[in-house]
N, C-alpha and C. Protein backbone atom coordinates (compact mmCIF):
# COMPACT_ATOMS: atom_id res chain seq x y z
N UNK A 1 -4.83 45.97 39.25
CA UNK A 1 -6.23 45.87 39.61
C UNK A 1 -6.75 47.18 40.20
N UNK A 2 -5.95 47.80 41.06
CA UNK A 2 -6.36 49.06 41.68
C UNK A 2 -6.55 50.14 40.62
N UNK A 3 -5.63 50.15 39.63
CA UNK A 3 -5.75 51.14 38.55
C UNK A 3 -7.03 50.94 37.76
N UNK A 4 -7.41 49.66 37.50
CA UNK A 4 -8.63 49.37 36.77
C UNK A 4 -9.85 49.82 37.54
N UNK A 5 -9.87 49.54 38.87
CA UNK A 5 -11.01 49.96 39.70
C UNK A 5 -11.13 51.48 39.72
N UNK A 6 -10.01 52.16 39.85
CA UNK A 6 -10.04 53.62 39.85
C UNK A 6 -10.54 54.17 38.52
N UNK A 7 -10.17 53.49 37.44
CA UNK A 7 -10.62 53.93 36.12
C UNK A 7 -12.13 53.77 35.97
N UNK A 8 -12.66 52.63 36.48
CA UNK A 8 -14.10 52.39 36.40
C UNK A 8 -14.86 53.41 37.25
N UNK A 9 -14.30 53.78 38.39
CA UNK A 9 -14.97 54.71 39.30
C UNK A 9 -15.18 56.09 38.66
N UNK A 10 -14.39 56.42 37.65
CA UNK A 10 -14.52 57.73 37.01
C UNK A 10 -15.83 57.85 36.23
N UNK A 11 -16.47 56.72 35.91
CA UNK A 11 -17.68 56.74 35.10
C UNK A 11 -18.89 56.35 35.95
N UNK A 12 -20.01 57.01 35.69
CA UNK A 12 -21.26 56.56 36.30
C UNK A 12 -21.81 55.39 35.47
N UNK A 13 -22.95 54.86 35.89
CA UNK A 13 -23.50 53.67 35.23
C UNK A 13 -23.76 53.91 33.74
N UNK A 14 -24.36 55.06 33.42
CA UNK A 14 -24.69 55.37 32.02
C UNK A 14 -23.43 55.48 31.16
N UNK A 15 -22.43 56.18 31.67
CA UNK A 15 -21.19 56.34 30.91
C UNK A 15 -20.48 55.00 30.72
N UNK A 16 -20.53 54.16 31.77
CA UNK A 16 -19.90 52.84 31.66
C UNK A 16 -20.58 52.01 30.57
N UNK A 17 -21.92 52.06 30.53
CA UNK A 17 -22.66 51.35 29.48
C UNK A 17 -22.30 51.86 28.10
N UNK A 18 -22.17 53.18 27.99
CA UNK A 18 -21.81 53.78 26.70
C UNK A 18 -20.42 53.31 26.27
N UNK A 19 -19.48 53.27 27.22
CA UNK A 19 -18.12 52.84 26.91
C UNK A 19 -18.09 51.38 26.45
N UNK A 20 -18.83 50.53 27.16
CA UNK A 20 -18.87 49.11 26.81
C UNK A 20 -19.51 48.92 25.43
N UNK A 21 -20.61 49.64 25.18
CA UNK A 21 -21.28 49.55 23.89
C UNK A 21 -20.36 50.00 22.76
N UNK A 22 -19.65 51.09 23.00
CA UNK A 22 -18.70 51.60 22.00
C UNK A 22 -17.61 50.57 21.72
N UNK A 23 -17.12 49.93 22.79
CA UNK A 23 -16.07 48.91 22.65
C UNK A 23 -16.57 47.73 21.82
N UNK A 24 -17.77 47.23 22.13
CA UNK A 24 -18.34 46.10 21.40
C UNK A 24 -18.68 46.47 19.96
N UNK A 25 -19.14 47.71 19.76
CA UNK A 25 -19.48 48.16 18.41
C UNK A 25 -18.26 48.17 17.50
N UNK A 26 -17.09 48.43 18.08
CA UNK A 26 -15.87 48.40 17.29
C UNK A 26 -15.61 47.02 16.71
N UNK A 27 -15.80 45.99 17.53
CA UNK A 27 -15.63 44.62 17.04
C UNK A 27 -16.71 44.25 16.02
N UNK A 28 -17.95 44.68 16.30
CA UNK A 28 -19.03 44.40 15.37
C UNK A 28 -18.77 45.08 14.02
N UNK A 29 -18.28 46.33 14.08
CA UNK A 29 -17.96 47.05 12.85
C UNK A 29 -16.89 46.34 12.04
N UNK A 30 -15.89 45.79 12.72
CA UNK A 30 -14.83 45.06 12.03
C UNK A 30 -15.38 43.82 11.34
N UNK A 31 -16.31 43.11 12.00
CA UNK A 31 -16.92 41.93 11.39
C UNK A 31 -17.76 42.30 10.17
N UNK A 32 -18.52 43.41 10.29
CA UNK A 32 -19.34 43.86 9.16
C UNK A 32 -18.45 44.24 7.99
N UNK A 33 -17.34 44.93 8.28
CA UNK A 33 -16.41 45.33 7.22
C UNK A 33 -15.84 44.10 6.52
N UNK A 34 -15.50 43.07 7.29
CA UNK A 34 -14.98 41.84 6.69
C UNK A 34 -16.04 41.17 5.82
N UNK A 35 -17.28 41.16 6.30
CA UNK A 35 -18.38 40.57 5.51
C UNK A 35 -18.55 41.31 4.19
N UNK A 36 -18.46 42.65 4.21
CA UNK A 36 -18.59 43.42 2.98
C UNK A 36 -17.49 43.06 1.98
N UNK A 37 -16.27 42.89 2.49
CA UNK A 37 -15.15 42.55 1.61
C UNK A 37 -15.34 41.16 0.99
N UNK A 38 -15.83 40.23 1.80
CA UNK A 38 -16.08 38.88 1.28
C UNK A 38 -17.20 38.90 0.26
N UNK A 39 -18.26 39.65 0.54
CA UNK A 39 -19.38 39.77 -0.41
C UNK A 39 -18.91 40.39 -1.72
N UNK A 40 -18.09 41.44 -1.63
CA UNK A 40 -17.57 42.10 -2.83
C UNK A 40 -16.73 41.11 -3.64
N UNK A 41 -15.93 40.32 -2.96
CA UNK A 41 -15.11 39.32 -3.65
C UNK A 41 -15.97 38.28 -4.34
N UNK A 42 -17.07 37.89 -3.71
CA UNK A 42 -17.98 36.92 -4.31
C UNK A 42 -18.51 37.40 -5.66
N UNK A 43 -18.87 38.68 -5.75
CA UNK A 43 -19.43 39.22 -6.99
C UNK A 43 -18.37 39.55 -8.03
N UNK A 44 -17.17 39.91 -7.60
CA UNK A 44 -16.18 40.47 -8.54
C UNK A 44 -14.87 39.70 -8.64
N UNK A 45 -14.59 38.80 -7.68
CA UNK A 45 -13.30 38.12 -7.57
C UNK A 45 -12.16 39.11 -7.35
N UNK A 46 -12.47 40.26 -6.73
CA UNK A 46 -11.48 41.28 -6.40
C UNK A 46 -11.54 41.55 -4.89
N UNK A 47 -10.37 41.61 -4.26
CA UNK A 47 -10.30 41.90 -2.83
C UNK A 47 -10.01 43.38 -2.65
N UNK A 48 -10.97 44.14 -2.15
CA UNK A 48 -10.86 45.59 -2.00
C UNK A 48 -10.57 45.93 -0.55
N UNK A 49 -9.63 46.86 -0.34
CA UNK A 49 -9.17 47.18 1.01
C UNK A 49 -10.24 47.85 1.85
N UNK A 50 -10.91 48.86 1.32
CA UNK A 50 -11.85 49.66 2.11
C UNK A 50 -13.22 49.69 1.45
N UNK A 51 -14.18 49.01 2.07
CA UNK A 51 -15.57 49.08 1.62
C UNK A 51 -16.37 49.62 2.80
N UNK A 52 -16.80 50.87 2.68
CA UNK A 52 -17.34 51.60 3.82
C UNK A 52 -18.86 51.53 3.95
N UNK A 53 -19.50 50.79 3.07
CA UNK A 53 -20.95 50.65 3.11
C UNK A 53 -21.40 49.65 2.07
N UNK A 54 -22.72 49.56 1.90
CA UNK A 54 -23.28 48.58 0.96
C UNK A 54 -22.96 48.97 -0.48
N UNK A 55 -22.51 47.98 -1.25
CA UNK A 55 -22.30 48.13 -2.70
C UNK A 55 -23.32 47.25 -3.40
N UNK A 56 -24.06 47.83 -4.34
CA UNK A 56 -25.11 47.09 -5.04
C UNK A 56 -24.58 46.59 -6.38
N UNK A 57 -24.85 45.32 -6.68
CA UNK A 57 -24.40 44.68 -7.91
C UNK A 57 -25.61 44.26 -8.74
N UNK A 58 -25.45 44.33 -10.08
CA UNK A 58 -26.51 43.85 -10.96
C UNK A 58 -26.37 42.38 -11.27
N UNK A 59 -25.14 41.87 -11.26
CA UNK A 59 -24.89 40.47 -11.55
C UNK A 59 -23.48 40.10 -11.13
N UNK A 60 -23.15 38.83 -11.17
CA UNK A 60 -21.78 38.39 -10.93
C UNK A 60 -20.96 38.69 -12.18
N UNK A 61 -19.86 39.38 -12.02
CA UNK A 61 -19.05 39.81 -13.16
C UNK A 61 -17.87 38.88 -13.36
N UNK A 62 -17.44 38.77 -14.63
CA UNK A 62 -16.38 37.84 -14.98
C UNK A 62 -15.06 38.54 -15.32
N UNK A 63 -15.14 39.79 -15.79
CA UNK A 63 -13.93 40.46 -16.28
C UNK A 63 -13.76 41.80 -15.58
N UNK A 64 -13.41 41.76 -14.32
CA UNK A 64 -13.22 42.97 -13.54
C UNK A 64 -11.87 42.90 -12.83
N UNK A 65 -11.16 44.03 -12.83
CA UNK A 65 -9.85 44.09 -12.18
C UNK A 65 -9.78 45.40 -11.40
N UNK A 66 -9.41 45.32 -10.12
CA UNK A 66 -9.30 46.49 -9.26
C UNK A 66 -7.94 46.45 -8.58
N UNK A 67 -7.19 47.55 -8.67
CA UNK A 67 -5.85 47.62 -8.11
C UNK A 67 -5.83 47.75 -6.59
N UNK A 68 -4.66 48.08 -6.07
CA UNK A 68 -4.46 48.16 -4.63
C UNK A 68 -5.05 49.45 -4.04
N UNK A 69 -5.42 49.38 -2.77
CA UNK A 69 -5.84 50.55 -1.98
C UNK A 69 -7.07 51.26 -2.53
N UNK A 70 -8.01 50.50 -3.06
CA UNK A 70 -9.27 51.10 -3.52
C UNK A 70 -10.18 51.36 -2.33
N UNK A 71 -11.00 52.41 -2.42
CA UNK A 71 -11.97 52.74 -1.38
C UNK A 71 -13.34 52.94 -2.02
N UNK A 72 -14.33 52.21 -1.51
CA UNK A 72 -15.70 52.32 -1.99
C UNK A 72 -16.59 52.80 -0.85
N UNK A 73 -17.25 53.93 -1.05
CA UNK A 73 -18.14 54.51 -0.05
C UNK A 73 -19.54 53.88 -0.14
N UNK A 74 -20.43 54.18 0.83
CA UNK A 74 -21.75 53.53 0.83
C UNK A 74 -22.63 53.88 -0.37
N UNK A 75 -23.58 52.98 -0.64
CA UNK A 75 -24.64 53.16 -1.64
C UNK A 75 -24.12 53.28 -3.06
N UNK A 76 -23.03 52.61 -3.36
CA UNK A 76 -22.47 52.58 -4.72
C UNK A 76 -23.17 51.50 -5.53
N UNK A 77 -23.37 51.76 -6.82
CA UNK A 77 -24.00 50.79 -7.72
C UNK A 77 -23.01 50.40 -8.82
N UNK A 78 -22.79 49.10 -8.98
CA UNK A 78 -21.96 48.58 -10.06
C UNK A 78 -22.84 47.74 -10.97
N UNK A 79 -23.19 48.32 -12.12
CA UNK A 79 -23.99 47.59 -13.12
C UNK A 79 -23.04 47.11 -14.21
N UNK A 80 -22.42 45.98 -13.97
CA UNK A 80 -21.41 45.46 -14.89
C UNK A 80 -21.98 44.23 -15.58
N UNK A 81 -22.13 44.30 -16.91
CA UNK A 81 -22.65 43.16 -17.65
C UNK A 81 -21.70 41.97 -17.53
N UNK A 82 -22.24 40.79 -17.67
CA UNK A 82 -21.47 39.57 -17.43
C UNK A 82 -20.20 39.49 -18.26
N UNK A 83 -20.26 39.93 -19.51
CA UNK A 83 -19.10 39.85 -20.41
C UNK A 83 -18.41 41.19 -20.63
N UNK A 84 -18.80 42.20 -19.86
CA UNK A 84 -18.15 43.51 -19.97
C UNK A 84 -16.81 43.49 -19.24
N UNK A 85 -15.97 44.49 -19.55
CA UNK A 85 -14.64 44.59 -18.93
C UNK A 85 -14.52 45.89 -18.15
N UNK A 86 -14.25 45.77 -16.86
CA UNK A 86 -14.00 46.93 -16.01
C UNK A 86 -12.60 46.78 -15.42
N UNK A 87 -11.75 47.77 -15.69
CA UNK A 87 -10.37 47.74 -15.17
C UNK A 87 -10.12 49.03 -14.41
N UNK A 88 -9.72 48.91 -13.15
CA UNK A 88 -9.48 50.05 -12.26
C UNK A 88 -8.08 49.92 -11.69
N UNK A 89 -7.32 51.02 -11.68
CA UNK A 89 -5.95 51.02 -11.18
C UNK A 89 -5.85 51.14 -9.67
N UNK A 90 -4.66 51.49 -9.21
CA UNK A 90 -4.38 51.60 -7.77
C UNK A 90 -4.89 52.92 -7.20
N UNK A 91 -5.14 52.91 -5.88
CA UNK A 91 -5.51 54.13 -5.14
C UNK A 91 -6.73 54.83 -5.74
N UNK A 92 -7.76 54.05 -5.97
CA UNK A 92 -9.00 54.53 -6.57
C UNK A 92 -10.02 54.83 -5.48
N UNK A 93 -10.78 55.93 -5.64
CA UNK A 93 -11.84 56.27 -4.69
C UNK A 93 -13.15 56.51 -5.44
N UNK A 94 -14.20 55.80 -5.01
CA UNK A 94 -15.54 55.97 -5.56
C UNK A 94 -16.44 56.38 -4.42
N UNK A 95 -16.99 57.59 -4.49
CA UNK A 95 -17.67 58.18 -3.35
C UNK A 95 -19.16 57.82 -3.30
N UNK A 96 -19.85 58.36 -2.29
CA UNK A 96 -21.22 58.00 -1.96
C UNK A 96 -22.15 58.03 -3.18
N UNK A 97 -22.93 56.97 -3.35
CA UNK A 97 -24.00 56.95 -4.33
C UNK A 97 -23.58 56.99 -5.78
N UNK A 98 -22.31 56.79 -6.07
CA UNK A 98 -21.84 56.83 -7.46
C UNK A 98 -22.25 55.55 -8.20
N UNK A 99 -22.32 55.65 -9.53
CA UNK A 99 -22.73 54.53 -10.37
C UNK A 99 -21.69 54.31 -11.46
N UNK A 100 -21.27 53.05 -11.63
CA UNK A 100 -20.51 52.66 -12.81
C UNK A 100 -21.33 51.61 -13.54
N UNK A 101 -21.78 51.96 -14.76
CA UNK A 101 -22.58 51.06 -15.58
C UNK A 101 -21.77 50.70 -16.82
N UNK A 102 -21.43 49.44 -16.94
CA UNK A 102 -20.51 49.00 -17.99
C UNK A 102 -21.10 47.81 -18.73
N UNK A 103 -21.44 48.02 -19.99
CA UNK A 103 -21.90 46.93 -20.84
C UNK A 103 -20.83 46.47 -21.82
N UNK A 104 -19.80 47.30 -22.02
CA UNK A 104 -18.73 46.96 -22.96
C UNK A 104 -17.36 47.05 -22.29
N UNK A 105 -16.87 48.28 -22.04
CA UNK A 105 -15.55 48.43 -21.45
C UNK A 105 -15.38 49.79 -20.80
N UNK A 106 -14.92 49.79 -19.55
CA UNK A 106 -14.55 51.01 -18.84
C UNK A 106 -13.16 50.77 -18.25
N UNK A 107 -12.23 51.68 -18.56
CA UNK A 107 -10.87 51.59 -18.05
C UNK A 107 -10.57 52.85 -17.24
N UNK A 108 -10.11 52.66 -15.99
CA UNK A 108 -9.82 53.77 -15.08
C UNK A 108 -8.41 53.58 -14.56
N UNK A 109 -7.61 54.64 -14.58
CA UNK A 109 -6.20 54.56 -14.19
C UNK A 109 -5.97 54.64 -12.70
N UNK A 110 -4.73 55.00 -12.34
CA UNK A 110 -4.32 55.11 -10.94
C UNK A 110 -4.65 56.49 -10.36
N UNK A 111 -4.87 56.55 -9.05
CA UNK A 111 -5.10 57.80 -8.33
C UNK A 111 -6.28 58.59 -8.91
N UNK A 112 -7.38 57.89 -9.15
CA UNK A 112 -8.59 58.52 -9.68
C UNK A 112 -9.61 58.65 -8.55
N UNK A 113 -10.22 59.84 -8.45
CA UNK A 113 -11.29 60.08 -7.48
C UNK A 113 -12.56 60.44 -8.24
N UNK A 114 -13.64 59.74 -7.93
CA UNK A 114 -14.94 60.02 -8.53
C UNK A 114 -15.88 60.45 -7.41
N UNK A 115 -16.41 61.68 -7.52
CA UNK A 115 -17.21 62.28 -6.46
C UNK A 115 -18.57 61.62 -6.30
N UNK A 116 -19.22 61.96 -5.18
CA UNK A 116 -20.50 61.36 -4.84
C UNK A 116 -21.57 61.64 -5.89
N UNK A 117 -22.42 60.64 -6.12
CA UNK A 117 -23.57 60.71 -7.01
C UNK A 117 -23.17 60.96 -8.47
N UNK A 118 -21.94 60.65 -8.82
CA UNK A 118 -21.52 60.72 -10.22
C UNK A 118 -21.89 59.42 -10.93
N UNK A 119 -21.84 59.48 -12.26
CA UNK A 119 -22.25 58.33 -13.06
C UNK A 119 -21.29 58.15 -14.23
N UNK A 120 -20.77 56.93 -14.39
CA UNK A 120 -19.92 56.58 -15.52
C UNK A 120 -20.65 55.51 -16.30
N UNK A 121 -21.06 55.81 -17.54
CA UNK A 121 -21.90 54.90 -18.31
C UNK A 121 -21.37 54.77 -19.74
N UNK A 122 -21.09 53.55 -20.15
CA UNK A 122 -20.57 53.34 -21.50
C UNK A 122 -21.66 52.99 -22.51
N UNK A 123 -22.93 53.13 -22.10
CA UNK A 123 -24.05 52.75 -22.97
C UNK A 123 -25.15 53.80 -22.89
N UNK A 124 -25.81 54.04 -24.03
CA UNK A 124 -26.94 54.95 -24.06
C UNK A 124 -28.00 54.43 -25.02
N UNK A 125 -29.23 54.89 -24.86
CA UNK A 125 -30.30 54.51 -25.79
C UNK A 125 -30.12 55.24 -27.12
N UNK A 126 -30.42 54.55 -28.22
CA UNK A 126 -30.51 55.20 -29.52
C UNK A 126 -31.76 56.07 -29.57
N UNK A 127 -31.70 57.12 -30.40
CA UNK A 127 -32.84 58.05 -30.45
C UNK A 127 -32.97 58.69 -31.85
N UNK A 128 -32.70 57.91 -32.88
CA UNK A 128 -32.72 58.46 -34.24
C UNK A 128 -34.12 58.78 -34.73
N UNK A 129 -35.10 57.99 -34.31
CA UNK A 129 -36.44 58.11 -34.90
C UNK A 129 -37.44 58.57 -33.85
N UNK A 130 -38.10 59.68 -34.12
CA UNK A 130 -39.02 60.25 -33.14
C UNK A 130 -40.34 59.49 -33.06
N UNK A 131 -40.67 58.71 -34.10
CA UNK A 131 -41.95 57.99 -34.11
C UNK A 131 -41.84 56.58 -33.53
N UNK A 132 -40.67 56.24 -33.01
CA UNK A 132 -40.47 54.94 -32.36
C UNK A 132 -40.07 55.20 -30.91
N UNK A 133 -40.71 54.53 -29.96
CA UNK A 133 -40.31 54.73 -28.56
C UNK A 133 -38.81 54.51 -28.39
N UNK A 134 -38.16 55.42 -27.72
CA UNK A 134 -36.70 55.34 -27.58
C UNK A 134 -36.25 54.05 -26.92
N UNK A 135 -37.07 53.56 -25.99
CA UNK A 135 -36.68 52.35 -25.28
C UNK A 135 -36.63 51.14 -26.20
N UNK A 136 -37.32 51.23 -27.37
CA UNK A 136 -37.34 50.13 -28.32
C UNK A 136 -36.30 50.28 -29.44
N UNK A 137 -35.50 51.34 -29.39
CA UNK A 137 -34.52 51.58 -30.45
C UNK A 137 -33.15 50.97 -30.15
N UNK A 138 -33.06 50.25 -29.07
CA UNK A 138 -31.80 49.57 -28.77
C UNK A 138 -30.77 50.49 -28.14
N UNK A 139 -29.66 49.92 -27.79
CA UNK A 139 -28.59 50.65 -27.11
C UNK A 139 -27.33 50.71 -27.98
N UNK A 140 -26.51 51.72 -27.69
CA UNK A 140 -25.18 51.83 -28.29
C UNK A 140 -24.15 51.93 -27.18
N UNK A 141 -23.12 51.09 -27.29
CA UNK A 141 -22.06 51.10 -26.28
C UNK A 141 -20.74 51.53 -26.90
N UNK A 142 -20.02 52.40 -26.20
CA UNK A 142 -18.69 52.82 -26.62
C UNK A 142 -17.77 52.82 -25.40
N UNK A 143 -16.53 52.43 -25.60
CA UNK A 143 -15.58 52.33 -24.50
C UNK A 143 -15.34 53.69 -23.83
N UNK A 144 -15.12 53.66 -22.54
CA UNK A 144 -14.74 54.84 -21.77
C UNK A 144 -13.32 54.62 -21.25
N UNK A 145 -12.49 55.64 -21.38
CA UNK A 145 -11.13 55.58 -20.86
C UNK A 145 -10.88 56.78 -19.97
N UNK A 146 -10.46 56.54 -18.72
CA UNK A 146 -10.11 57.59 -17.77
C UNK A 146 -8.66 57.35 -17.35
N UNK A 147 -7.80 58.33 -17.53
CA UNK A 147 -6.38 58.18 -17.27
C UNK A 147 -6.02 58.24 -15.79
N UNK A 148 -4.76 58.53 -15.52
CA UNK A 148 -4.25 58.59 -14.15
C UNK A 148 -4.45 59.98 -13.53
N UNK A 149 -4.56 60.03 -12.21
CA UNK A 149 -4.61 61.29 -11.47
C UNK A 149 -5.74 62.19 -11.97
N UNK A 150 -6.94 61.63 -12.03
CA UNK A 150 -8.12 62.36 -12.49
C UNK A 150 -9.07 62.55 -11.32
N UNK A 151 -9.65 63.74 -11.23
CA UNK A 151 -10.61 64.06 -10.18
C UNK A 151 -11.92 64.47 -10.84
N UNK A 152 -12.96 63.68 -10.60
CA UNK A 152 -14.28 63.94 -11.18
C UNK A 152 -15.19 64.42 -10.07
N UNK A 153 -15.70 65.65 -10.22
CA UNK A 153 -16.47 66.27 -9.16
C UNK A 153 -17.86 65.69 -8.97
N UNK A 154 -18.47 66.08 -7.89
CA UNK A 154 -19.77 65.56 -7.46
C UNK A 154 -20.84 65.70 -8.55
N UNK A 155 -21.60 64.62 -8.73
CA UNK A 155 -22.77 64.67 -9.60
C UNK A 155 -22.47 64.76 -11.08
N UNK A 156 -21.27 64.46 -11.49
CA UNK A 156 -20.92 64.53 -12.91
C UNK A 156 -21.35 63.26 -13.64
N UNK A 157 -21.51 63.38 -14.96
CA UNK A 157 -21.90 62.24 -15.80
C UNK A 157 -20.84 62.06 -16.88
N UNK A 158 -20.26 60.87 -16.94
CA UNK A 158 -19.29 60.53 -17.98
C UNK A 158 -19.99 59.64 -18.97
N UNK A 159 -20.18 60.15 -20.19
CA UNK A 159 -20.98 59.46 -21.21
C UNK A 159 -20.13 58.52 -22.06
N UNK A 160 -20.83 57.65 -22.77
CA UNK A 160 -20.18 56.64 -23.61
C UNK A 160 -19.23 57.27 -24.61
N UNK A 161 -18.08 56.62 -24.82
CA UNK A 161 -17.11 57.08 -25.80
C UNK A 161 -16.16 58.15 -25.30
N UNK A 162 -16.27 58.55 -24.04
CA UNK A 162 -15.41 59.62 -23.53
C UNK A 162 -13.99 59.11 -23.25
N UNK A 163 -13.03 60.00 -23.53
CA UNK A 163 -11.63 59.75 -23.21
C UNK A 163 -11.14 60.90 -22.35
N UNK A 164 -10.71 60.60 -21.14
CA UNK A 164 -10.22 61.62 -20.21
C UNK A 164 -8.75 61.33 -19.97
N UNK A 165 -7.89 62.23 -20.42
CA UNK A 165 -6.45 62.02 -20.29
C UNK A 165 -5.97 62.27 -18.86
N UNK A 166 -4.68 62.03 -18.62
CA UNK A 166 -4.10 62.16 -17.29
C UNK A 166 -4.24 63.57 -16.72
N UNK A 167 -4.43 63.65 -15.41
CA UNK A 167 -4.36 64.92 -14.71
C UNK A 167 -5.53 65.86 -14.89
N UNK A 168 -6.66 65.36 -15.39
CA UNK A 168 -7.82 66.22 -15.63
C UNK A 168 -8.64 66.39 -14.36
N UNK A 169 -9.15 67.60 -14.14
CA UNK A 169 -10.13 67.88 -13.09
C UNK A 169 -11.44 68.26 -13.75
N UNK A 170 -12.54 67.64 -13.29
CA UNK A 170 -13.86 67.91 -13.84
C UNK A 170 -14.73 68.48 -12.73
N UNK A 171 -15.27 69.68 -12.95
CA UNK A 171 -16.08 70.34 -11.94
C UNK A 171 -17.38 69.61 -11.66
N UNK A 172 -17.96 69.91 -10.51
CA UNK A 172 -19.19 69.25 -10.09
C UNK A 172 -20.32 69.47 -11.09
N UNK A 173 -21.17 68.45 -11.24
CA UNK A 173 -22.38 68.50 -12.06
C UNK A 173 -22.08 68.76 -13.54
N UNK A 174 -20.95 68.25 -14.01
CA UNK A 174 -20.58 68.40 -15.42
C UNK A 174 -21.08 67.20 -16.23
N UNK A 175 -21.29 67.43 -17.52
CA UNK A 175 -21.66 66.36 -18.46
C UNK A 175 -20.51 66.20 -19.44
N UNK A 176 -19.88 65.02 -19.42
CA UNK A 176 -18.66 64.79 -20.18
C UNK A 176 -18.95 63.89 -21.37
N UNK A 177 -18.58 64.37 -22.55
CA UNK A 177 -18.69 63.59 -23.78
C UNK A 177 -17.58 64.03 -24.71
N UNK A 178 -16.70 63.10 -25.10
CA UNK A 178 -15.63 63.45 -26.03
C UNK A 178 -14.26 63.22 -25.43
N UNK A 179 -13.27 63.93 -25.98
CA UNK A 179 -11.87 63.73 -25.61
C UNK A 179 -11.39 64.94 -24.80
N UNK A 180 -10.94 64.70 -23.58
CA UNK A 180 -10.49 65.77 -22.70
C UNK A 180 -8.97 65.76 -22.63
N UNK A 181 -8.39 66.93 -22.91
CA UNK A 181 -6.94 67.08 -22.95
C UNK A 181 -6.32 66.98 -21.56
N UNK A 182 -5.12 66.41 -21.51
CA UNK A 182 -4.43 66.18 -20.23
C UNK A 182 -4.16 67.48 -19.48
N UNK A 183 -4.19 67.39 -18.16
CA UNK A 183 -3.84 68.48 -17.24
C UNK A 183 -4.58 69.77 -17.55
N UNK A 184 -5.90 69.61 -17.67
CA UNK A 184 -6.79 70.76 -17.85
C UNK A 184 -7.98 70.60 -16.90
N UNK A 185 -8.59 71.74 -16.57
CA UNK A 185 -9.79 71.73 -15.76
C UNK A 185 -10.99 72.01 -16.66
N UNK A 186 -12.02 71.16 -16.51
CA UNK A 186 -13.25 71.30 -17.31
C UNK A 186 -14.45 71.40 -16.37
N UNK A 187 -15.50 72.04 -16.86
CA UNK A 187 -16.73 72.11 -16.06
C UNK A 187 -17.88 72.52 -16.95
N UNK A 188 -19.09 72.19 -16.50
CA UNK A 188 -20.29 72.70 -17.17
C UNK A 188 -21.07 71.66 -17.94
N UNK A 189 -22.24 72.10 -18.40
CA UNK A 189 -23.10 71.31 -19.26
C UNK A 189 -23.78 72.27 -20.24
N UNK A 190 -23.24 72.43 -21.46
CA UNK A 190 -22.18 71.63 -22.07
C UNK A 190 -20.80 71.91 -21.44
N UNK A 191 -19.92 70.94 -21.57
CA UNK A 191 -18.61 71.00 -20.96
C UNK A 191 -17.70 72.01 -21.65
N UNK A 192 -16.96 72.78 -20.84
CA UNK A 192 -15.99 73.73 -21.39
C UNK A 192 -14.68 73.63 -20.62
N UNK A 193 -13.58 73.88 -21.32
CA UNK A 193 -12.30 73.91 -20.63
C UNK A 193 -12.17 75.23 -19.88
N UNK A 194 -11.85 75.17 -18.60
CA UNK A 194 -11.72 76.36 -17.76
C UNK A 194 -10.31 76.91 -17.82
N UNK A 195 -9.33 76.05 -17.63
CA UNK A 195 -7.93 76.47 -17.70
C UNK A 195 -7.02 75.26 -17.71
N UNK A 196 -5.74 75.51 -18.08
CA UNK A 196 -4.74 74.46 -17.99
C UNK A 196 -4.18 74.41 -16.58
N UNK A 197 -3.76 73.22 -16.18
CA UNK A 197 -3.19 73.03 -14.85
C UNK A 197 -1.68 72.92 -14.97
N UNK A 198 -0.96 73.88 -14.39
CA UNK A 198 0.48 73.95 -14.53
C UNK A 198 1.17 73.10 -13.47
N UNK A 199 2.29 72.50 -13.81
CA UNK A 199 3.04 71.70 -12.82
C UNK A 199 3.69 72.60 -11.79
N UNK A 200 3.94 72.06 -10.59
CA UNK A 200 4.65 72.77 -9.55
C UNK A 200 6.12 72.90 -9.94
N UNK A 201 6.68 74.08 -9.78
CA UNK A 201 8.06 74.32 -10.18
C UNK A 201 9.04 73.58 -9.28
N UNK A 202 8.76 73.59 -7.97
CA UNK A 202 9.65 72.93 -7.01
C UNK A 202 8.83 72.01 -6.11
N UNK A 203 8.42 70.85 -6.65
CA UNK A 203 7.57 69.95 -5.85
C UNK A 203 8.28 69.48 -4.58
N UNK A 204 7.49 69.35 -3.51
CA UNK A 204 8.05 68.92 -2.23
C UNK A 204 8.31 67.42 -2.24
């Protein structure tokens, strides 16, 4: 008791209030985090370990799979069509404001990081005829595949039909369309291969 009184005496009234508020906020934060996890499960039937902010959903999804140790940062948008398939592996990170829009199929491997404000979209508007409004020409969907150990930089766009093999790094603000070779670094719009990524000779 004496130790507790001495500890309280170290703080003035304002500091004591700040300490108490901080203590209570920790419990409130834990409750909010639990609510986010329950809400995410309601929409996806997936239990995600770390949901650090609000995740926006377009609808309740039926075919979604998320592996262990996923982390979702605030202001993420998941536009997953009811019958679309989204499969995400273990140790996945989706950063602030990123969008995954899936009308057909998006597959993402293990240890993938997608930077803030990036967009992964398996659908685009058709645009064959200039005399018809593009919005009335319908959509085309193609599967997207992202392999293991991929790092997609901030503000990048992954377009429909793209295949990204294992170990690829994509620079910030890149536009990706096509097949990307494993263990290479790409960047730009249009996208160009920057260099190959060599393995460590004596990994720790």
